[in-house]
Amino acid sequence: MAGTFVIAQGGGPTAVINQTVVGATLEVRKRHPGAKVLGSLHGVRGIRDGNYVDLSAIPEDRLRLIAGTPSAALGSTRDKPDAAYCEVILNGLKKAGADAFIYIGGNDTSGTQQILTDAAGGSIAFVHAPKTIDNDLEENDHTPGFISAAEFVAGAFLSVDLDFRALPGIYVGIVMGRHAGFLTAAAAAWQLDPDSGPHLVYVPERPFSAAGFIDDVRATLDRHKRCIVAVSEGVSTADGKALVESLVPPDKLERDAHGNVKLSGSDLPSALERALAEGLPGKRARVDALGYMPRGYVGAISAVDAREAFDAGAFAVAVAGEGGGSVALQYDGTKTVLKKVPLKNVAGKTRHMPDDFMKPDVNQLSEAGMAYLKRLGPSGWCRKNTRWESPSSDGRPFWRHPFWWRARCRRLVRQDDHRRPHDDADRAVRA
């Protein structure tokens, strides 16, 4: 297959989505010498408006610099095309002479590719390449972008737990995740010992009770003298109503272009602080929304995540040669493998965190949940480099931690860390 490939990025940026763009671009050069690669600016809007950048003309060394940079280099969009919009996109692709369209994104992106596939009738190969920090795509063990975001969340909660050991109180961190609790669960990945926070984890897969929340926090304070809590922005009450809609007045709710309530942005932190002040008067409490910070934090780019995102882009080119489909990262029991799966298996569907990842009787991760996170990697440096010591007779802790940041940041910007796609990319098992 030669001709013209169009690549676009959709949805929220991540730390590694540019790896997928570059992986695909370099794989086209290897498989299809002379083929053109067009980057659509701001997702499908670039196709609609005929706004492209010629990725074929960018030298490889510059592409690799782009690959190691967080955010979405081509620009992104929150547009969720319907059939009429997809007809406009299809006409734009034909005008550009596209033979294949690789769209990198999550649930909505895969849905767009399914509509386009049905409308095109085989004239263009449509490929969905996975990307989401929510980790909520069907057919995937995990998704590019998740591991890096999970490392940020794990490190943030380890840090705040150490802070609150010094000045005890209540801390609640609100983590992104509208329907799936994977990223919130990652807050527990770097727990040092049974006394470590987060002591409580609330995910969308379990109904949230405000009264039960206050009781849980009170019991944790009695036990640990402090309470660190991770709450998913998407938690809802037993009647299915988002927590933010239960706590925030309707006139204070913010909504996006699709009418969805902006979960973390609708004054949820202040509402939870008020609930804690009323339920536990006199207790020091702080509630923060981590917001967008985990998405593309430059200090927490996972090498595994970057490599897998790169390989997903390279594999997407192979999938295009087979007529299209969705790229999936699956676990074969020993390693992650890339597979081609039907778009219909992914499009518009949401993968939820398995119920057994949480303990049945308490809002904490189970052994199965911790094992999953450890397998993916966000548990590394802290377990090797941190110590809690009690040199004083009264058992007060002393914190010692090596200065690893400078060396780590130097390693992050080394160009030779940005690996080439595996020469055996075709090794991946296809469904």
Protein backbone atom coordinates (compact mmCIF):
# COMPACT_ATOMS: atom_id res chain seq x y z
CA MET A 1 0.00 0.00 0.00
CA ALA A 2 1.42 3.41 -0.98
CA GLY A 3 -0.13 6.81 -1.58
CA THR A 4 -1.22 9.21 1.14
CA PHE A 5 -1.68 8.62 4.87
CA VAL A 6 -3.54 11.14 7.02
CA ILE A 7 -2.88 11.18 10.78
CA ALA A 8 -4.85 13.12 13.40
CA GLN A 9 -5.01 13.40 17.19
CA GLY A 10 -8.30 13.58 19.09
CA GLY A 11 -9.39 14.24 22.66
CA GLY A 12 -7.16 15.15 25.58
CA PRO A 13 -3.39 15.36 25.05
CA THR A 14 -1.08 12.94 26.88
CA ALA A 15 2.61 12.61 27.63
CA VAL A 16 3.12 10.11 24.80
CA ILE A 17 0.53 10.71 22.06
CA ASN A 18 3.21 12.32 19.87
CA GLN A 19 5.13 9.05 20.01
CA THR A 20 2.23 7.44 18.14
CA VAL A 21 2.29 10.10 15.42
CA VAL A 22 6.02 9.70 14.92
CA GLY A 23 5.87 5.91 15.12
CA ALA A 24 3.31 5.87 12.32
CA THR A 25 5.19 8.42 10.22
CA LEU A 26 8.50 6.57 10.38
CA GLU A 27 6.82 3.23 9.73
CA VAL A 28 5.24 4.64 6.56
CA ARG A 29 8.70 5.72 5.42
CA LYS A 30 10.01 2.21 6.00
CA ARG A 31 7.11 0.28 4.47
CA HIS A 32 6.04 2.69 1.74
CA PRO A 33 8.96 4.77 0.45
CA GLY A 34 7.69 7.84 -1.33
CA ALA A 35 4.27 7.83 0.34
CA LYS A 36 3.01 11.12 1.72
CA VAL A 37 2.06 11.55 5.39
CA LEU A 38 -0.23 14.47 6.20
CA GLY A 39 -0.85 15.58 9.77
CA SER A 40 -4.35 17.01 10.19
CA LEU A 41 -4.26 20.04 12.47
CA HIS A 42 -6.68 19.98 15.40
CA GLY A 43 -8.09 16.54 14.75
CA VAL A 44 -10.82 16.10 12.17
CA ARG A 45 -11.24 19.87 11.92
CA GLY A 46 -8.06 19.94 9.85
CA ILE A 47 -9.58 17.47 7.40
CA ARG A 48 -12.78 19.49 7.25
CA ASP A 49 -10.86 22.72 6.59
CA GLY A 50 -8.05 21.27 4.48
CA ASN A 51 -5.50 22.27 7.11
CA TYR A 52 -2.51 19.90 7.10
CA VAL A 53 1.20 19.76 7.83
CA ASP A 54 3.40 17.54 5.65
CA LEU A 55 5.00 15.11 8.10
CA SER A 56 6.83 13.47 5.19
CA ALA A 57 9.04 16.55 4.87
CA ILE A 58 10.20 16.64 8.51
CA PRO A 59 13.66 15.12 9.16
CA GLU A 60 13.77 12.10 11.42
CA ASP A 61 15.82 13.82 14.12
CA ARG A 62 13.18 16.53 14.45
CA LEU A 63 10.41 13.95 14.49
CA ARG A 64 12.10 12.21 17.41
CA LEU A 65 12.24 15.49 19.30
CA ILE A 66 8.50 15.83 18.72
CA ALA A 67 7.96 12.23 19.86
CA GLY A 68 9.48 12.95 23.27
CA THR A 69 7.40 16.08 23.83
CA PRO A 70 4.14 15.93 25.84
CA SER A 71 0.83 17.33 24.56
CA ALA A 72 -0.56 16.89 21.04
CA ALA A 73 1.83 18.41 18.49
CA LEU A 74 -0.78 18.44 15.72
CA GLY A 75 -3.40 20.03 17.94
CA SER A 76 -6.54 18.23 19.02
CA THR A 77 -10.30 18.64 19.12
CA ARG A 78 -13.29 17.66 21.24
CA ASP A 79 -15.54 17.43 18.19
CA LYS A 80 -17.73 14.32 18.29
CA PRO A 81 -18.80 13.89 14.65
CA ASP A 82 -22.23 12.57 13.74
CA ALA A 83 -23.06 10.99 10.37
CA ALA A 84 -23.41 14.36 8.63
CA TYR A 85 -20.10 15.65 9.99
CA CYS A 86 -18.42 12.35 9.01
CA GLU A 87 -19.65 12.86 5.44
CA VAL A 88 -17.79 16.18 5.41
CA ILE A 89 -14.69 14.45 6.80
CA LEU A 90 -14.91 11.72 4.18
CA ASN A 91 -15.11 14.29 1.39
CA GLY A 92 -12.10 16.08 2.87
CA LEU A 93 -10.10 12.85 2.94
CA LYS A 94 -10.97 12.14 -0.68
CA LYS A 95 -9.96 15.67 -1.65
CA ALA A 96 -6.58 15.10 0.04
CA GLY A 97 -6.17 11.85 -1.89
CA ALA A 98 -6.05 9.82 1.33
CA ASP A 99 -5.60 6.07 1.11
CA ALA A 100 -5.57 5.63 4.90
CA PHE A 101 -6.65 7.68 7.91
CA ILE A 102 -5.07 6.94 11.30
CA TYR A 103 -6.95 8.65 14.13
CA ILE A 104 -5.32 8.56 17.57
CA GLY A 105 -7.67 8.82 20.54
CA GLY A 106 -10.17 7.17 22.84
CA ASN A 107 -13.80 6.06 22.77
CA ASP A 108 -15.20 8.91 20.69
CA THR A 109 -12.33 8.67 18.22
CA SER A 110 -12.98 4.99 17.62
CA GLY A 111 -16.65 5.79 17.12
CA THR A 112 -15.77 8.33 14.44
CA GLN A 113 -13.65 5.76 12.64
CA GLN A 114 -16.51 3.25 12.72
CA ILE A 115 -18.92 5.75 11.12
CA LEU A 116 -16.34 6.63 8.46
CA THR A 117 -15.63 2.97 7.74
CA ASP A 118 -19.31 2.27 7.16
CA ALA A 119 -19.70 5.34 4.94
CA ALA A 120 -16.56 4.85 2.82
CA GLY A 121 -17.31 1.32 1.69
CA GLY A 122 -13.67 0.24 1.62
CA SER A 123 -12.25 3.08 -0.46
CA ILE A 124 -10.11 4.29 2.45
CA ALA A 125 -8.54 2.30 5.30
CA PHE A 126 -9.59 3.69 8.69
CA VAL A 127 -7.45 2.85 11.71
CA HIS A 128 -8.01 3.75 15.35
CA ALA A 129 -4.80 4.01 17.42
CA PRO A 130 -5.49 3.93 21.18
CA LYS A 131 -4.84 6.84 23.52
CA THR A 132 -6.44 7.67 26.86
CA ILE A 133 -5.22 8.28 30.39
CA ASP A 134 -8.57 6.93 31.63
CA ASN A 135 -7.49 3.44 30.47
CA ASP A 136 -11.09 2.68 29.54
CA LEU A 137 -10.92 1.21 26.01
CA GLU A 138 -12.41 -2.21 25.43
CA GLU A 139 -10.11 -4.93 24.06
CA ASN A 140 -7.10 -3.25 25.74
CA ASP A 141 -5.19 -4.38 28.81
CA HIS A 142 -4.00 -0.79 29.13
CA THR A 143 -3.75 2.23 26.86
CA PRO A 144 -0.92 4.56 25.81
CA GLY A 145 -0.88 7.58 28.08
CA PHE A 146 -2.18 5.76 31.14
CA ILE A 147 1.13 4.58 32.63
CA SER A 148 2.72 8.05 32.53
CA ALA A 149 -0.38 9.64 34.06
CA ALA A 150 -0.48 6.88 36.68
CA GLU A 151 3.13 7.61 37.65
CA PHE A 152 2.23 11.26 38.23
CA VAL A 153 -0.78 10.34 40.36
CA ALA A 154 1.17 7.74 42.35
CA GLY A 155 3.98 10.20 43.04
CA ALA A 156 1.58 12.99 43.97
CA PHE A 157 -0.21 10.88 46.57
CA LEU A 158 3.04 9.51 48.00
CA SER A 159 4.26 13.09 48.38
CA VAL A 160 1.11 14.38 50.02
CA ASP A 161 1.06 11.40 52.40
CA LEU A 162 4.57 12.31 53.56
CA ASP A 163 3.44 15.92 53.98
CA PHE A 164 0.51 14.90 56.17
CA ARG A 165 2.67 12.65 58.33
CA ALA A 166 4.38 15.87 59.40
CA LEU A 167 1.19 17.94 59.77
CA PRO A 168 -1.71 15.50 60.23
CA GLY A 169 -5.11 16.22 58.80
CA ILE A 170 -7.43 15.21 55.97
CA TYR A 171 -6.41 15.41 52.33
CA VAL A 172 -8.67 14.60 49.38
CA GLY A 173 -7.28 14.52 45.85
CA ILE A 174 -9.76 14.46 42.96
CA VAL A 175 -8.46 12.52 39.96
CA MET A 176 -9.69 12.50 36.35
CA GLY A 177 -11.85 9.60 35.19
CA ARG A 178 -15.49 10.05 34.23
CA HIS A 179 -16.52 6.39 34.04
CA ALA A 180 -13.46 4.28 34.98
CA GLY A 181 -11.43 4.27 38.18
CA PHE A 182 -8.06 3.04 36.90
CA LEU A 183 -6.26 6.38 37.22
CA THR A 184 -7.68 7.05 40.68
CA ALA A 185 -6.62 3.55 41.75
CA ALA A 186 -3.08 4.40 40.65
CA ALA A 187 -2.89 6.74 43.64
CA ALA A 188 -2.14 3.65 45.73
CA ALA A 189 0.59 2.26 43.47
CA TRP A 190 3.49 3.69 45.49
CA GLN A 191 2.24 2.95 49.00
CA LEU A 192 5.25 2.30 51.21
CA ASP A 193 3.57 0.26 53.94
CA PRO A 194 0.10 -0.49 55.41
CA ASP A 195 0.15 2.89 57.17
CA SER A 196 0.68 4.78 53.91
CA GLY A 197 -1.91 6.77 52.03
CA PRO A 198 -4.12 6.89 50.20
CA HIS A 199 -6.08 5.23 52.95
CA LEU A 200 -9.34 5.46 50.99
CA VAL A 201 -9.99 5.18 47.24
CA TYR A 202 -13.36 6.01 45.66
CA VAL A 203 -13.98 5.00 42.04
CA PRO A 204 -16.95 5.38 39.64
CA GLU A 205 -17.58 1.65 39.63
CA ARG A 206 -18.89 1.86 43.23
CA PRO A 207 -21.79 4.00 44.47
CA PHE A 208 -20.66 6.91 46.63
CA SER A 209 -22.39 7.76 49.90
CA ALA A 210 -21.64 11.13 51.46
CA ALA A 211 -22.52 9.82 54.92
CA GLY A 212 -20.41 6.70 54.40
CA PHE A 213 -17.53 8.89 53.20
CA ILE A 214 -17.58 10.92 56.42
CA ASP A 215 -17.71 7.72 58.50
CA ASP A 216 -14.77 6.25 56.56
CA VAL A 217 -12.68 9.38 57.05
CA ARG A 218 -13.50 9.52 60.76
CA ALA A 219 -12.47 5.87 61.25
CA THR A 220 -9.25 6.42 59.32
CA LEU A 221 -8.38 9.45 61.44
CA ASP A 222 -8.87 7.38 64.58
CA ARG A 223 -6.55 4.71 63.20
CA HIS A 224 -3.80 6.71 61.45
CA LYS A 225 -4.20 10.24 62.89
CA ARG A 226 -4.43 11.47 59.29
CA CYS A 227 -6.49 10.52 56.24
CA ILE A 228 -5.39 10.65 52.60
CA VAL A 229 -8.21 10.08 50.10
CA ALA A 230 -8.25 9.58 46.32
CA VAL A 231 -11.61 10.33 44.71
CA SER A 232 -12.45 9.89 41.05
CA GLU A 233 -14.16 12.91 39.52
CA GLY A 234 -16.75 10.50 38.09
CA VAL A 235 -18.05 8.96 41.33
CA SER A 236 -21.82 8.92 41.56
CA THR A 237 -24.45 8.23 44.18
CA ALA A 238 -26.57 5.08 44.32
CA ASP A 239 -29.20 6.66 42.06
CA GLY A 240 -26.61 7.17 39.32
CA LYS A 241 -26.31 10.91 39.85
CA ALA A 242 -22.79 12.33 39.59
CA LEU A 243 -21.47 13.41 42.99
CA VAL A 244 -20.81 16.90 41.72
CA GLU A 245 -24.50 17.21 40.76
CA SER A 246 -25.48 16.16 44.30
CA LEU A 247 -23.18 18.62 46.06
CA VAL A 248 -23.01 21.63 43.74
CA PRO A 249 -25.99 23.94 43.03
CA PRO A 250 -27.26 23.68 39.43
CA ASP A 251 -26.28 27.27 38.62
CA LYS A 252 -22.67 26.48 39.60
CA LEU A 253 -22.32 23.43 37.34
CA GLU A 254 -20.10 23.84 34.28
CA ARG A 255 -20.82 21.92 31.08
CA ASP A 256 -18.76 21.11 27.99
CA ALA A 257 -19.77 21.55 24.34
CA HIS A 258 -21.64 18.22 24.42
CA GLY A 259 -23.68 19.16 27.49
CA ASN A 260 -21.71 16.91 29.84
CA VAL A 261 -21.10 18.25 33.34
CA LYS A 262 -17.47 19.25 33.86
CA LEU A 263 -16.82 17.01 36.82
CA SER A 264 -13.68 18.44 38.43
CA GLY A 265 -14.29 21.95 37.16
CA SER A 266 -17.69 22.50 38.79
CA ASP A 267 -16.46 23.56 42.23
CA LEU A 268 -16.34 19.94 43.44
CA PRO A 269 -13.29 20.55 45.69
CA SER A 270 -15.07 23.35 47.58
CA ALA A 271 -18.22 21.25 47.90
CA LEU A 272 -16.27 18.34 49.42
CA GLU A 273 -14.44 20.70 51.77
CA ARG A 274 -17.80 22.00 53.00
CA ALA A 275 -19.06 18.44 53.51
CA LEU A 276 -15.96 17.59 55.56
CA ALA A 277 -16.24 20.77 57.62
CA GLU A 278 -19.86 19.96 58.44
CA GLY A 279 -19.30 16.27 59.12
CA LEU A 280 -15.96 16.57 60.94
CA PRO A 281 -15.90 20.05 62.51
CA GLY A 282 -12.55 21.28 63.72
CA LYS A 283 -10.50 18.92 61.56
CA ARG A 284 -7.87 20.31 59.18
CA ALA A 285 -8.99 19.39 55.67
CA ARG A 286 -7.76 20.17 52.18
CA VAL A 287 -9.35 19.14 48.86
CA ASP A 288 -7.54 19.59 45.55
CA ALA A 289 -8.41 18.63 41.99
CA LEU A 290 -5.35 17.30 40.18
CA GLY A 291 -7.05 18.42 36.99
CA TYR A 292 -5.07 18.24 33.77
CA MET A 293 -1.64 17.90 35.41
CA PRO A 294 -1.39 14.08 35.14
CA ARG A 295 -2.12 14.13 31.40
CA GLY A 296 1.21 15.38 30.14
CA TYR A 297 3.55 16.00 33.05
CA VAL A 298 7.08 16.18 31.63
CA GLY A 299 8.66 14.75 34.80
CA ALA A 300 6.71 11.49 34.69
CA ILE A 301 7.04 10.17 31.14
CA SER A 302 7.25 6.40 31.42
CA ALA A 303 9.78 4.76 29.08
CA VAL A 304 7.45 1.78 28.76
CA ASP A 305 4.52 4.05 27.92
CA ALA A 306 6.55 5.95 25.33
CA ARG A 307 7.76 2.78 23.64
CA GLU A 308 4.29 1.25 23.52
CA ALA A 309 2.77 4.44 22.12
CA PHE A 310 5.47 4.53 19.42
CA ASP A 311 4.88 0.88 18.54
CA ALA A 312 1.11 1.41 18.44
CA GLY A 313 1.66 4.03 15.74
CA ALA A 314 3.95 1.75 13.77
CA PHE A 315 1.48 -1.12 14.05
CA ALA A 316 -1.36 1.14 12.90
CA VAL A 317 0.38 1.38 9.53
CA ALA A 318 0.37 -2.40 9.28
CA VAL A 319 -3.33 -2.45 10.19
CA ALA A 320 -4.00 0.10 7.44
CA GLY A 321 -2.41 -2.29 4.98
CA GLU A 322 -4.93 -4.93 6.04
CA GLY A 323 -7.92 -2.68 5.39
CA GLY A 324 -8.27 -0.95 8.76
CA GLY A 325 -9.41 -1.69 12.30
CA SER A 326 -8.40 -0.77 15.84
CA VAL A 327 -5.00 -1.26 17.43
CA ALA A 328 -5.17 -2.90 20.87
CA LEU A 329 -2.57 -3.43 23.58
CA GLN A 330 -3.19 -6.82 25.16
CA TYR A 331 -1.40 -8.92 27.77
CA ASP A 332 -0.54 -12.49 26.84
CA GLY A 333 0.46 -13.56 30.35
CA THR A 334 4.10 -12.54 30.04
CA LYS A 335 4.24 -9.39 27.91
CA THR A 336 2.21 -6.75 26.11
CA VAL A 337 1.40 -7.55 22.48
CA LEU A 338 -0.23 -5.48 19.75
CA LYS A 339 -3.30 -6.85 18.04
CA LYS A 340 -5.71 -5.77 15.37
CA VAL A 341 -9.32 -5.88 16.58
CA PRO A 342 -12.56 -4.88 14.84
CA LEU A 343 -13.55 -1.24 15.29
CA LYS A 344 -17.03 -2.31 16.38
CA ASN A 345 -15.50 -3.99 19.45
CA VAL A 346 -14.14 -0.66 20.68
CA ALA A 347 -16.27 2.10 19.17
CA GLY A 348 -18.39 3.99 21.68
CA LYS A 349 -17.80 1.44 24.46
CA THR A 350 -16.33 1.92 27.91
CA ARG A 351 -14.16 -0.54 29.80
CA HIS A 352 -14.65 -0.38 33.54
CA MET A 353 -12.19 -1.31 36.24
CA PRO A 354 -12.78 -4.93 37.33
CA ASP A 355 -14.69 -5.25 40.58
CA ASP A 356 -12.02 -7.49 42.10
CA PHE A 357 -9.49 -4.64 41.90
CA MET A 358 -11.15 -3.26 45.05
CA LYS A 359 -11.57 -4.94 48.43
CA PRO A 360 -15.18 -6.04 48.89
CA ASP A 361 -15.79 -4.45 52.27
CA VAL A 362 -13.64 -1.32 52.25
CA ASN A 363 -12.70 1.42 49.79
CA GLN A 364 -9.15 0.25 49.21
CA LEU A 365 -7.32 -1.56 46.41
CA SER A 366 -7.21 -5.34 46.57
CA GLU A 367 -4.18 -7.52 45.90
CA ALA A 368 -5.42 -8.00 42.34
CA GLY A 369 -5.62 -4.25 41.79
CA MET A 370 -2.16 -3.66 43.20
CA ALA A 371 -0.73 -6.51 41.11
CA TYR A 372 -2.13 -4.94 37.94
CA LEU A 373 -0.57 -1.56 38.71
CA LYS A 374 2.78 -3.07 39.66
CA ARG A 375 2.88 -5.04 36.41
CA LEU A 376 2.51 -1.84 34.41
CA GLY A 377 5.30 -0.14 36.25
CA PRO A 378 4.24 2.86 38.40
CA SER A 379 5.88 1.44 41.53
CA GLY A 380 9.53 1.70 40.60
CA TRP A 381 11.92 4.16 42.15
CA CYS A 382 10.15 4.76 45.45
CA ARG A 383 10.30 1.20 46.74
CA LYS A 384 14.04 1.07 46.04
CA ASN A 385 14.97 4.59 47.12
CA THR A 386 12.74 5.50 50.06
CA ARG A 387 13.02 4.62 53.72
CA TRP A 388 11.01 5.41 56.79
CA GLU A 389 13.33 5.29 59.78
CA SER A 390 12.69 5.83 63.47
CA PRO A 391 16.01 6.87 65.01
CA SER A 392 14.42 8.50 68.04
CA SER A 393 13.29 6.59 71.08
CA ASP A 394 9.70 7.78 70.76
CA GLY A 395 9.42 6.28 67.26
CA ARG A 396 8.96 9.51 65.34
CA PRO A 397 9.73 8.96 61.64
CA PHE A 398 12.68 10.42 59.79
CA TRP A 399 12.34 10.87 56.05
CA ARG A 400 15.31 10.18 53.80
CA HIS A 401 15.11 10.32 50.06
CA PRO A 402 17.98 10.57 47.51
CA PHE A 403 18.12 13.48 45.07
CA TRP A 404 17.08 11.59 41.98
CA TRP A 405 15.25 14.32 40.05
CA ARG A 406 18.27 15.91 38.37
CA ALA A 407 19.53 12.62 36.98
CA ARG A 408 16.02 11.60 35.98
CA CYS A 409 15.37 14.83 34.08
CA ARG A 410 18.68 14.54 32.27
CA ARG A 411 17.68 11.04 31.20
CA LEU A 412 14.27 12.26 30.02
CA VAL A 413 15.73 14.64 27.46
CA ARG A 414 18.42 12.35 26.04
CA GLN A 415 17.60 11.80 22.41
CA ASP A 416 18.82 8.23 22.33
CA ASP A 417 16.12 7.31 24.84
CA HIS A 418 13.48 7.68 22.13
CA ARG A 419 13.62 4.20 20.69
CA ARG A 420 12.90 3.24 17.13
CA PRO A 421 9.93 0.99 16.44
CA HIS A 422 10.70 -2.67 16.93
CA ASP A 423 11.97 -4.25 13.72
CA ASP A 424 9.78 -7.20 14.59
CA ALA A 425 6.62 -5.09 14.83
CA ASP A 426 4.90 -7.62 12.65
CA ARG A 427 5.41 -10.18 15.41
CA ALA A 428 2.18 -9.03 17.02
CA VAL A 429 -0.59 -11.55 17.06
CA ARG A 430 -3.59 -10.47 15.03
CA ALA A 431 -7.05 -11.40 16.13
